Amino acid sequence: MRVLVGGIGNVFLGDDAFGVAVAARLRDLHGRDGVEVVDFGIRGIDLAYALAEVDAAILIDTVTRGGAPGTLYVLEPEEGAGTAGVAMHGMTPDRVLRWLPAGAAPPFLRLVGCEPATFGEEGLGRDGLSPPVAGAIEPAARLVQRIVGELIGADSERA
């Protein structure tokens, strides 16, 4: 089984760098049991191509769902039907999934998201993550490790 763990975000927009920070924390997973950890940053096109090459993907990003800053979510995003346009610096995970042709996303796809204190341009010029989002890095890393462990364990049970 090939598992992609992808950190997403813009390091110049404060809390938007959450996914990148968690991916950096998870570097020790890279190369183990078919797991690839990639800091995609704002490279949505690279993410789209990478998704087509794996059996499972766990994406890490900020998501605004109305919770307190630092709240973690595990979401099951829906794949689109190749209908979204390409915006080179706006290829968020949901837009990437809408851009992919039907059936191109991996069968197992999860988004580990963190509620930001600032979102998008609000974080412009902010130096680093806000305290609640920075405090969510370790719990998010453990959550991703648990999901990866379940995937790899399920795969080894099938063998």
Protein backbone atom coordinates (compact mmCIF):
# COMPACT_ATOMS: atom_id res chain seq x y z
CA MET A 1 0.00 0.00 0.00
CA ARG A 2 1.26 3.45 -0.91
CA VAL A 3 0.21 6.14 1.57
CA LEU A 4 0.67 9.86 0.96
CA VAL A 5 0.74 12.28 3.89
CA GLY A 6 0.56 15.78 2.47
CA GLY A 7 1.04 19.04 4.33
CA ILE A 8 -0.72 21.98 2.67
CA GLY A 9 -0.50 25.68 3.35
CA ASN A 10 1.20 29.00 2.84
CA VAL A 11 3.96 29.79 5.33
CA PHE A 12 3.48 33.53 4.68
CA LEU A 13 -0.13 33.51 5.92
CA GLY A 14 0.21 32.72 9.64
CA ASP A 15 -2.01 29.81 10.64
CA ASP A 16 -2.29 28.68 7.02
CA ALA A 17 1.15 27.09 7.55
CA PHE A 18 -0.33 24.46 9.89
CA GLY A 19 -0.24 21.61 7.36
CA VAL A 20 3.36 22.39 6.46
CA ALA A 21 4.36 22.38 10.16
CA VAL A 22 2.69 19.03 10.81
CA ALA A 23 4.32 17.49 7.71
CA ALA A 24 7.71 18.64 8.99
CA ARG A 25 6.97 17.00 12.34
CA LEU A 26 6.07 13.72 10.56
CA ARG A 27 9.28 13.39 8.52
CA ASP A 28 10.19 10.23 10.45
CA LEU A 29 7.23 8.44 8.80
CA HIS A 30 8.67 9.08 5.32
CA GLY A 31 9.82 5.93 3.57
CA ARG A 32 8.48 3.58 6.23
CA ASP A 33 6.01 0.91 5.05
CA GLY A 34 5.29 2.73 1.78
CA VAL A 35 4.53 6.08 3.44
CA GLU A 36 5.55 9.29 1.70
CA VAL A 37 5.39 12.59 3.61
CA VAL A 38 5.39 15.66 1.36
CA ASP A 39 5.24 19.38 2.11
CA PHE A 40 3.10 20.54 -0.81
CA GLY A 41 2.83 24.11 0.45
CA ILE A 42 0.72 25.87 -2.18
CA ARG A 43 1.61 23.47 -5.02
CA GLY A 44 -1.87 22.12 -5.69
CA ILE A 45 -1.05 20.79 -9.14
CA ASP A 46 1.76 18.66 -7.66
CA LEU A 47 -0.73 17.40 -5.07
CA ALA A 48 -3.23 16.46 -7.78
CA TYR A 49 -0.67 14.37 -9.64
CA ALA A 50 0.56 12.75 -6.42
CA LEU A 51 -2.98 11.74 -5.43
CA ALA A 52 -3.32 9.75 -8.63
CA GLU A 53 -0.28 7.62 -7.71
CA VAL A 54 -1.25 6.38 -4.22
CA ASP A 55 -3.70 4.00 -2.56
CA ALA A 56 -4.43 6.28 0.39
CA ALA A 57 -3.88 9.93 1.26
CA ILE A 58 -4.04 11.97 4.43
CA LEU A 59 -3.97 15.70 3.77
CA ILE A 60 -3.25 18.22 6.51
CA ASP A 61 -4.52 21.79 6.27
CA THR A 62 -6.43 24.51 8.08
CA VAL A 63 -10.20 24.33 7.80
CA THR A 64 -12.77 26.83 8.97
CA ARG A 65 -15.73 25.03 10.50
CA GLY A 66 -16.70 27.37 13.32
CA GLY A 67 -14.87 25.70 16.19
CA ALA A 68 -12.39 27.21 18.59
CA PRO A 69 -8.93 27.92 17.13
CA GLY A 70 -6.78 24.78 17.40
CA THR A 71 -9.74 22.38 17.15
CA LEU A 72 -8.84 19.32 15.05
CA TYR A 73 -11.15 17.61 12.58
CA VAL A 74 -10.91 14.45 10.52
CA LEU A 75 -12.94 14.91 7.36
CA GLU A 76 -13.68 12.69 4.40
CA PRO A 77 -13.56 15.08 1.43
CA GLU A 78 -15.50 14.28 -1.71
CA GLU A 79 -13.90 13.85 -5.08
CA GLY A 80 -15.19 16.07 -7.86
CA ALA A 81 -15.66 15.41 -11.52
CA GLY A 82 -12.95 17.48 -13.13
CA THR A 83 -15.00 20.66 -13.10
CA ALA A 84 -12.89 23.19 -11.17
CA GLY A 85 -10.64 25.67 -12.91
CA VAL A 86 -6.98 25.94 -12.08
CA ALA A 87 -5.94 28.84 -9.85
CA MET A 88 -2.21 28.40 -9.37
CA HIS A 89 -2.11 29.85 -5.84
CA GLY A 90 -5.62 28.86 -4.87
CA MET A 91 -5.50 25.09 -5.34
CA THR A 92 -6.83 24.19 -1.91
CA PRO A 93 -7.52 20.49 -1.22
CA ASP A 94 -11.21 20.85 -2.07
CA ARG A 95 -10.38 22.61 -5.33
CA VAL A 96 -7.76 19.97 -6.21
CA LEU A 97 -10.36 17.26 -5.66
CA ARG A 98 -12.89 19.07 -7.85
CA TRP A 99 -10.21 19.44 -10.54
CA LEU A 100 -9.35 15.74 -10.63
CA PRO A 101 -11.21 13.56 -13.11
CA ALA A 102 -13.72 11.18 -11.51
CA GLY A 103 -11.99 8.12 -10.07
CA ALA A 104 -8.52 9.70 -9.96
CA ALA A 105 -8.40 10.26 -6.19
CA PRO A 106 -7.22 7.40 -3.98
CA PRO A 107 -9.90 5.13 -2.48
CA PHE A 108 -8.97 6.22 1.05
CA LEU A 109 -8.77 9.97 1.53
CA ARG A 110 -8.90 11.96 4.75
CA LEU A 111 -8.28 15.58 5.65
CA VAL A 112 -6.88 16.32 9.10
CA GLY A 113 -7.83 19.93 9.57
CA CYS A 114 -7.20 22.53 12.21
CA GLU A 115 -9.43 25.50 12.98
CA PRO A 116 -7.27 28.61 12.47
CA ALA A 117 -7.29 31.76 14.58
CA THR A 118 -6.59 33.73 11.40
CA PHE A 119 -7.51 32.61 7.91
CA GLY A 120 -6.13 33.56 4.52
CA GLU A 121 -5.13 37.18 4.10
CA GLU A 122 -5.88 37.84 7.80
CA GLY A 123 -2.62 36.04 8.57
CA LEU A 124 -0.54 37.96 6.03
CA GLY A 125 2.65 39.14 7.69
CA ARG A 126 1.94 37.16 10.86
CA ASP A 127 5.15 35.60 12.13
CA GLY A 128 4.38 31.93 12.69
CA LEU A 129 1.32 30.13 13.94
CA SER A 130 -1.02 31.47 16.60
CA PRO A 131 -0.62 29.78 20.02
CA PRO A 132 -3.74 27.56 19.74
CA VAL A 133 -2.78 26.34 16.25
CA ALA A 134 0.87 25.79 17.23
CA GLY A 135 -0.43 23.77 20.19
CA ALA A 136 -2.37 21.53 17.80
CA ILE A 137 0.74 20.38 15.87
CA GLU A 138 1.64 17.49 18.19
CA PRO A 139 -1.94 16.20 18.60
CA ALA A 140 -2.40 16.39 14.81
CA ALA A 141 0.86 14.51 14.23
CA ARG A 142 -0.28 11.76 16.63
CA LEU A 143 -3.67 11.62 14.89
CA VAL A 144 -2.04 11.22 11.47
CA GLN A 145 0.31 8.55 12.85
CA ARG A 146 -2.69 6.64 14.23
CA ILE A 147 -4.52 6.80 10.88
CA VAL A 148 -1.38 5.67 9.03
CA GLY A 149 -0.91 2.82 11.52
CA GLU A 150 -4.50 1.68 10.98
CA LEU A 151 -4.02 1.79 7.20
CA ILE A 152 -0.77 -0.15 7.26
CA GLY A 153 -2.15 -2.63 9.77
CA ALA A 154 -5.26 -3.19 7.67
CA ASP A 155 -3.07 -3.67 4.59
CA SER A 156 -0.82 -6.22 6.32
CA GLU A 157 -3.88 -8.16 7.54
CA ARG A 158 -5.02 -8.52 3.90
CA ALA A 159 -1.68 -9.95 2.79
